[in-house]
Amino acid sequence: VSTQSTGNHFGAEGCEAIGQALIQNTSLKFLLFDGNGIRDKGAVEFSTGLALNTSLEELLLNENGIGDEGLRAISMALMTNTTLKVLRLKKNQLGNRWQAVKRTRVEL
């Protein structure tokens, strides 16, 4: 199962709702979430669900204005998430911490 949502500009509350849905969902394999302007706060809210999700294999978060704080939350989620294989974070506002995430088990 896959879903796409681009250019909707979800706020932190929308990302929190999606994060909660990720916790409960056991069939979603691919999520395209490009260009939604979730920024750091949205990435933090979203990451709670990502950490506990047991089905998602590919996640695209390109062009979302995610910076170091959001990247830190995603990195923490990847410590417990065992299913995600591909993570795309192109055209975000990532600093030096991006290099540390690149060394994880996830294909970037």
C-alpha atoms as a PDB file:
ATOM      1  CA  VAL A   1       0.000   0.000   0.000  1.00  0.00           C
ATOM      2  CA  SER A   2       1.285   3.473  -0.815  1.00  0.00           C
ATOM      3  CA  THR A   3       0.086   7.035  -0.479  1.00  0.00           C
ATOM      4  CA  GLN A   4       1.123  10.406  -1.823  1.00  0.00           C
ATOM      5  CA  SER A   5       0.645  13.852  -0.351  1.00  0.00           C
ATOM      6  CA  THR A   6       2.552  16.747  -1.869  1.00  0.00           C
ATOM      7  CA  GLY A   7       2.209  20.506  -1.553  1.00  0.00           C
ATOM      8  CA  ASN A   8      -0.412  20.464   1.201  1.00  0.00           C
ATOM      9  CA  HIS A   9       1.599  22.429   3.781  1.00  0.00           C
ATOM     10  CA  PHE A  10       0.674  20.409   6.839  1.00  0.00           C
ATOM     11  CA  GLY A  11       1.350  22.146  10.115  1.00  0.00           C
ATOM     12  CA  ALA A  12       2.681  20.502  13.248  1.00  0.00           C
ATOM     13  CA  GLU A  13      -0.838  19.387  14.198  1.00  0.00           C
ATOM     14  CA  GLY A  14      -1.313  17.690  10.825  1.00  0.00           C
ATOM     15  CA  CYS A  15       2.045  15.953  11.207  1.00  0.00           C
ATOM     16  CA  GLU A  16       1.079  14.810  14.683  1.00  0.00           C
ATOM     17  CA  ALA A  17      -2.094  13.242  13.252  1.00  0.00           C
ATOM     18  CA  ILE A  18      -0.092  11.515  10.523  1.00  0.00           C
ATOM     19  CA  GLY A  19       2.394  10.303  13.116  1.00  0.00           C
ATOM     20  CA  GLN A  20      -0.452   8.798  15.132  1.00  0.00           C
ATOM     21  CA  ALA A  21      -1.788   7.118  12.004  1.00  0.00           C
ATOM     22  CA  LEU A  22       1.663   5.630  11.350  1.00  0.00           C
ATOM     23  CA  ILE A  23       1.604   4.019  14.789  1.00  0.00           C
ATOM     24  CA  GLN A  24      -1.653   2.230  14.021  1.00  0.00           C
ATOM     25  CA  ASN A  25      -1.060   1.418  10.343  1.00  0.00           C
ATOM     26  CA  THR A  26       0.417  -1.984   9.533  1.00  0.00           C
ATOM     27  CA  SER A  27       0.089  -2.036   5.733  1.00  0.00           C
ATOM     28  CA  LEU A  28       1.568   1.226   4.407  1.00  0.00           C
ATOM     29  CA  LYS A  29       4.888   0.521   2.651  1.00  0.00           C
ATOM     30  CA  PHE A  30       5.564   3.779   0.741  1.00  0.00           C
ATOM     31  CA  LEU A  31       4.830   7.375   1.720  1.00  0.00           C
ATOM     32  CA  LEU A  32       5.561  10.311  -0.588  1.00  0.00           C
ATOM     33  CA  PHE A  33       5.363  13.443   1.578  1.00  0.00           C
ATOM     34  CA  ASP A  34       7.340  15.957  -0.492  1.00  0.00           C
ATOM     35  CA  GLY A  35       6.864  19.711  -0.416  1.00  0.00           C
ATOM     36  CA  ASN A  36       4.484  19.908   2.515  1.00  0.00           C
ATOM     37  CA  GLY A  37       6.469  22.511   4.460  1.00  0.00           C
ATOM     38  CA  ILE A  38       6.472  20.480   7.672  1.00  0.00           C
ATOM     39  CA  ARG A  39       9.703  22.117   8.928  1.00  0.00           C
ATOM     40  CA  ASP A  40      11.375  21.033  12.174  1.00  0.00           C
ATOM     41  CA  LYS A  41       8.292  21.071  14.378  1.00  0.00           C
ATOM     42  CA  GLY A  42       6.333  18.899  11.960  1.00  0.00           C
ATOM     43  CA  ALA A  43       9.244  16.482  11.598  1.00  0.00           C
ATOM     44  CA  VAL A  44       9.409  16.124  15.382  1.00  0.00           C
ATOM     45  CA  GLU A  45       5.675  15.339  15.565  1.00  0.00           C
ATOM     46  CA  PHE A  46       5.869  12.972  12.594  1.00  0.00           C
ATOM     47  CA  SER A  47       8.879  11.107  14.032  1.00  0.00           C
ATOM     48  CA  THR A  48       6.953   9.765  17.008  1.00  0.00           C
ATOM     49  CA  GLY A  49       4.869   7.664  14.647  1.00  0.00           C
ATOM     50  CA  LEU A  50       7.838   6.778  12.489  1.00  0.00           C
ATOM     51  CA  ALA A  51       9.643   5.317  15.497  1.00  0.00           C
ATOM     52  CA  LEU A  52       6.774   2.944  16.256  1.00  0.00           C
ATOM     53  CA  ASN A  53       5.653   2.098  12.720  1.00  0.00           C
ATOM     54  CA  THR A  54       6.124  -1.537  11.704  1.00  0.00           C
ATOM     55  CA  SER A  55       5.406  -1.470   7.963  1.00  0.00           C
ATOM     56  CA  LEU A  56       6.790   1.621   6.214  1.00  0.00           C
ATOM     57  CA  GLU A  57       9.750   0.768   3.972  1.00  0.00           C
ATOM     58  CA  GLU A  58      10.211   3.957   1.933  1.00  0.00           C
ATOM     59  CA  LEU A  59       9.682   7.556   3.062  1.00  0.00           C
ATOM     60  CA  LEU A  60      10.207  10.626   0.893  1.00  0.00           C
ATOM     61  CA  LEU A  61      10.408  13.932   2.790  1.00  0.00           C
ATOM     62  CA  ASN A  62      12.040  16.112   0.138  1.00  0.00           C
ATOM     63  CA  GLU A  63      11.598  19.911   0.119  1.00  0.00           C
ATOM     64  CA  ASN A  64      10.002  20.245   3.545  1.00  0.00           C
ATOM     65  CA  GLY A  65      12.220  22.864   5.210  1.00  0.00           C
ATOM     66  CA  ILE A  66      13.521  20.291   7.688  1.00  0.00           C
ATOM     67  CA  GLY A  67      16.593  21.472   9.614  1.00  0.00           C
ATOM     68  CA  ASP A  68      18.837  20.055  12.332  1.00  0.00           C
ATOM     69  CA  GLU A  69      16.098  19.710  14.973  1.00  0.00           C
ATOM     70  CA  GLY A  70      13.833  17.755  12.625  1.00  0.00           C
ATOM     71  CA  LEU A  71      16.740  15.644  11.451  1.00  0.00           C
ATOM     72  CA  ARG A  72      17.630  14.832  15.051  1.00  0.00           C
ATOM     73  CA  ALA A  73      14.059  13.616  15.672  1.00  0.00           C
ATOM     74  CA  ILE A  74      14.087  11.495  12.521  1.00  0.00           C
ATOM     75  CA  SER A  75      17.466  10.045  13.512  1.00  0.00           C
ATOM     76  CA  MET A  76      16.115   9.085  16.920  1.00  0.00           C
ATOM     77  CA  ALA A  77      13.100   7.443  15.281  1.00  0.00           C
ATOM     78  CA  LEU A  78      15.421   5.380  13.098  1.00  0.00           C
ATOM     79  CA  MET A  79      17.027   3.917  16.199  1.00  0.00           C
ATOM     80  CA  THR A  80      13.839   1.991  16.948  1.00  0.00           C
ATOM     81  CA  ASN A  81      12.208   1.684  13.531  1.00  0.00           C
ATOM     82  CA  THR A  82      13.306  -1.613  11.978  1.00  0.00           C
ATOM     83  CA  THR A  83      11.373  -1.559   8.687  1.00  0.00           C
ATOM     84  CA  LEU A  84      12.365   1.677   6.943  1.00  0.00           C
ATOM     85  CA  LYS A  85      14.862   0.992   4.152  1.00  0.00           C
ATOM     86  CA  VAL A  86      14.777   4.196   2.088  1.00  0.00           C
ATOM     87  CA  LEU A  87      14.651   7.781   3.364  1.00  0.00           C
ATOM     88  CA  ARG A  88      14.866  10.763   1.027  1.00  0.00           C
ATOM     89  CA  LEU A  89      15.509  14.224   2.475  1.00  0.00           C
ATOM     90  CA  LYS A  90      16.648  16.195  -0.567  1.00  0.00           C
ATOM     91  CA  LYS A  91      16.367  19.985  -0.666  1.00  0.00           C
ATOM     92  CA  ASN A  92      15.868  20.481   3.072  1.00  0.00           C
ATOM     93  CA  GLN A  93      17.879  22.735   5.391  1.00  0.00           C
ATOM     94  CA  LEU A  94      20.205  20.077   6.744  1.00  0.00           C
ATOM     95  CA  GLY A  95      23.505  20.930   8.407  1.00  0.00           C
ATOM     96  CA  ASN A  96      26.430  18.763   9.399  1.00  0.00           C
ATOM     97  CA  ARG A  97      24.311  16.210  11.234  1.00  0.00           C
ATOM     98  CA  TRP A  98      23.167  14.860   7.862  1.00  0.00           C
ATOM     99  CA  GLN A  99      26.496  13.025   7.523  1.00  0.00           C
ATOM    100  CA  ALA A 100      25.823  11.039  10.714  1.00  0.00           C
ATOM    101  CA  VAL A 101      22.402   9.936   9.475  1.00  0.00           C
ATOM    102  CA  LYS A 102      23.918   8.868   6.159  1.00  0.00           C
ATOM    103  CA  ARG A 103      25.927   6.257   8.051  1.00  0.00           C
ATOM    104  CA  THR A 104      22.805   4.489   9.343  1.00  0.00           C
ATOM    105  CA  ARG A 105      21.353   1.324   7.846  1.00  0.00           C
ATOM    106  CA  VAL A 106      18.839   3.307   5.771  1.00  0.00           C
ATOM    107  CA  GLU A 107      19.443   3.940   2.069  1.00  0.00           C
ATOM    108  CA  LEU A 108      19.442   7.675   1.486  1.00  0.00           C
END
